[in-house]
């Protein structure tokens, strides 16, 4: 299995899942500009995975 480093579909889906601050929207749409942004983007991706898992579990019930 290979990693798709340029896959940004999760970012677009995450924008629709909840309300975000303008800085977070910029980060999700434009990508990281430095180490701090990259770290925050990784954190947002983990939050996305938790929300996605919860959403999928509720849909199965």
N, C-alpha and C. Protein backbone atom coordinates (compact mmCIF):
# COMPACT_ATOMS: atom_id res chain seq x y z
N UNK A 1 0.84 -1.18 0.00
CA UNK A 1 0.00 0.00 0.00
C UNK A 1 0.88 1.24 0.00
N UNK A 2 0.61 2.15 -0.89
CA UNK A 2 1.41 3.38 -0.95
C UNK A 2 0.59 4.56 -0.45
N UNK A 3 1.28 5.54 0.06
CA UNK A 3 0.64 6.74 0.60
C UNK A 3 0.47 7.77 -0.50
N UNK A 4 -0.71 8.32 -0.60
CA UNK A 4 -0.98 9.39 -1.57
C UNK A 4 -0.74 10.73 -0.86
N UNK A 5 0.46 11.27 -1.00
CA UNK A 5 0.83 12.49 -0.29
C UNK A 5 0.07 13.71 -0.80
N UNK A 6 -0.41 13.69 -2.00
CA UNK A 6 -1.12 14.84 -2.54
C UNK A 6 -2.64 14.71 -2.44
N UNK A 7 -3.13 13.75 -1.68
CA UNK A 7 -4.56 13.54 -1.52
C UNK A 7 -5.13 14.57 -0.54
N UNK A 8 -5.94 15.49 -1.03
CA UNK A 8 -6.52 16.53 -0.18
C UNK A 8 -8.04 16.38 -0.05
N UNK A 9 -8.58 15.24 -0.43
CA UNK A 9 -10.03 15.07 -0.36
C UNK A 9 -10.52 15.12 1.08
N UNK A 10 -9.72 14.65 2.04
CA UNK A 10 -10.15 14.69 3.43
C UNK A 10 -10.31 16.13 3.90
N UNK A 11 -9.48 17.04 3.39
CA UNK A 11 -9.55 18.43 3.82
C UNK A 11 -10.86 19.08 3.38
N UNK A 12 -11.28 18.80 2.17
CA UNK A 12 -12.53 19.36 1.67
C UNK A 12 -13.72 18.78 2.44
N UNK A 13 -13.67 17.49 2.73
CA UNK A 13 -14.74 16.87 3.49
C UNK A 13 -14.77 17.40 4.93
N UNK A 14 -13.61 17.62 5.51
CA UNK A 14 -13.51 18.12 6.89
C UNK A 14 -14.08 19.53 7.00
N UNK A 15 -13.93 20.34 5.96
CA UNK A 15 -14.50 21.69 5.98
C UNK A 15 -16.02 21.65 6.12
N UNK A 16 -16.66 20.62 5.57
CA UNK A 16 -18.11 20.50 5.64
C UNK A 16 -18.60 19.87 6.94
N UNK A 17 -17.71 19.27 7.70
CA UNK A 17 -18.11 18.55 8.92
C UNK A 17 -18.43 19.48 10.08
N UNK A 18 -17.76 20.62 10.17
CA UNK A 18 -17.97 21.52 11.29
C UNK A 18 -17.48 22.91 10.93
N UNK A 19 -17.77 23.87 11.78
CA UNK A 19 -17.32 25.25 11.56
C UNK A 19 -15.85 25.38 11.96
N UNK A 20 -15.11 26.18 11.20
CA UNK A 20 -13.68 26.37 11.45
C UNK A 20 -13.34 27.85 11.48
N UNK A 21 -12.28 28.20 12.20
CA UNK A 21 -11.76 29.56 12.18
C UNK A 21 -11.15 29.83 10.81
N UNK A 22 -11.04 31.09 10.45
CA UNK A 22 -10.52 31.45 9.13
C UNK A 22 -9.09 30.96 8.93
N UNK A 23 -8.27 30.95 10.00
CA UNK A 23 -6.89 30.47 9.87
C UNK A 23 -6.87 28.99 9.51
N UNK A 24 -7.80 28.23 10.09
CA UNK A 24 -7.86 26.79 9.83
C UNK A 24 -8.36 26.55 8.41
N UNK A 25 -9.33 27.33 7.96
CA UNK A 25 -9.83 27.19 6.59
C UNK A 25 -8.69 27.46 5.61
N UNK A 26 -7.90 28.51 5.84
CA UNK A 26 -6.77 28.81 4.97
C UNK A 26 -5.78 27.65 4.94
N UNK A 27 -5.49 27.11 6.12
CA UNK A 27 -4.56 25.99 6.21
C UNK A 27 -5.07 24.77 5.45
N UNK A 28 -6.35 24.48 5.58
CA UNK A 28 -6.93 23.32 4.89
C UNK A 28 -6.95 23.52 3.37
N UNK A 29 -7.18 24.73 2.94
CA UNK A 29 -7.29 24.99 1.50
C UNK A 29 -5.93 25.23 0.83
N UNK A 30 -5.02 25.93 1.51
CA UNK A 30 -3.76 26.31 0.90
C UNK A 30 -2.58 25.43 1.29
N UNK A 31 -2.72 24.71 2.39
CA UNK A 31 -1.63 23.85 2.84
C UNK A 31 -0.71 24.55 3.82
N UNK A 32 0.21 23.81 4.39
CA UNK A 32 1.10 24.38 5.40
C UNK A 32 2.17 25.28 4.80
N UNK A 33 2.57 26.30 5.56
CA UNK A 33 3.64 27.21 5.14
C UNK A 33 4.93 26.97 5.92
N UNK A 34 4.82 26.23 7.00
CA UNK A 34 5.99 25.99 7.83
C UNK A 34 5.75 24.81 8.75
N UNK A 35 6.69 24.62 9.69
CA UNK A 35 6.60 23.49 10.59
C UNK A 35 5.36 23.54 11.46
N UNK A 36 5.04 24.72 12.02
CA UNK A 36 3.87 24.85 12.89
C UNK A 36 2.60 24.51 12.13
N UNK A 37 2.47 25.00 10.91
CA UNK A 37 1.29 24.69 10.08
C UNK A 37 1.20 23.20 9.78
N UNK A 38 2.34 22.58 9.49
CA UNK A 38 2.34 21.15 9.19
C UNK A 38 1.91 20.35 10.42
N UNK A 39 2.38 20.76 11.59
CA UNK A 39 2.00 20.10 12.83
C UNK A 39 0.50 20.25 13.07
N UNK A 40 -0.02 21.46 12.88
CA UNK A 40 -1.46 21.70 13.07
C UNK A 40 -2.29 20.93 12.05
N UNK A 41 -1.83 20.84 10.82
CA UNK A 41 -2.54 20.09 9.79
C UNK A 41 -2.61 18.61 10.16
N UNK A 42 -1.54 18.08 10.71
CA UNK A 42 -1.55 16.69 11.17
C UNK A 42 -2.55 16.49 12.29
N UNK A 43 -2.64 17.45 13.18
CA UNK A 43 -3.61 17.39 14.27
C UNK A 43 -5.04 17.45 13.74
N UNK A 44 -5.26 18.30 12.76
CA UNK A 44 -6.59 18.40 12.15
C UNK A 44 -6.95 17.10 11.43
N UNK A 45 -5.98 16.45 10.82
CA UNK A 45 -6.24 15.19 10.14
C UNK A 45 -6.66 14.11 11.14
N UNK A 46 -6.03 14.09 12.31
CA UNK A 46 -6.43 13.14 13.35
C UNK A 46 -7.85 13.42 13.83
N UNK A 47 -8.20 14.70 13.99
CA UNK A 47 -9.57 15.07 14.38
C UNK A 47 -10.56 14.64 13.30
N UNK A 48 -10.19 14.83 12.04
CA UNK A 48 -11.04 14.40 10.93
C UNK A 48 -11.30 12.90 11.00
N UNK A 49 -10.25 12.11 11.24
CA UNK A 49 -10.41 10.66 11.29
C UNK A 49 -11.34 10.24 12.43
N UNK A 50 -11.24 10.91 13.58
CA UNK A 50 -12.15 10.60 14.70
C UNK A 50 -13.59 10.92 14.35
N UNK A 51 -13.82 12.11 13.77
CA UNK A 51 -15.17 12.51 13.39
C UNK A 51 -15.74 11.59 12.30
N UNK A 52 -14.91 11.23 11.35
CA UNK A 52 -15.34 10.35 10.25
C UNK A 52 -15.74 8.98 10.79
N UNK A 53 -14.94 8.46 11.72
CA UNK A 53 -15.25 7.16 12.32
C UNK A 53 -16.57 7.22 13.07
N UNK A 54 -16.78 8.28 13.85
CA UNK A 54 -18.02 8.46 14.60
C UNK A 54 -19.22 8.56 13.64
N UNK A 55 -19.04 9.33 12.57
CA UNK A 55 -20.12 9.50 11.58
C UNK A 55 -20.47 8.17 10.92
N UNK A 56 -19.45 7.40 10.56
CA UNK A 56 -19.68 6.10 9.92
C UNK A 56 -20.38 5.14 10.87
N UNK A 57 -20.00 5.15 12.15
CA UNK A 57 -20.63 4.28 13.14
C UNK A 57 -22.10 4.63 13.32
N UNK A 58 -22.42 5.93 13.33
CA UNK A 58 -23.82 6.34 13.49
C UNK A 58 -24.65 5.96 12.26
N UNK A 59 -24.06 5.99 11.08
CA UNK A 59 -24.78 5.64 9.87
C UNK A 59 -25.07 4.14 9.81
N UNK A 60 -24.22 3.33 10.42
CA UNK A 60 -24.42 1.88 10.41
C UNK A 60 -25.53 1.44 11.35
N UNK A 61 -25.83 2.27 12.35
CA UNK A 61 -26.86 1.88 13.33
C UNK A 61 -28.25 2.04 12.81
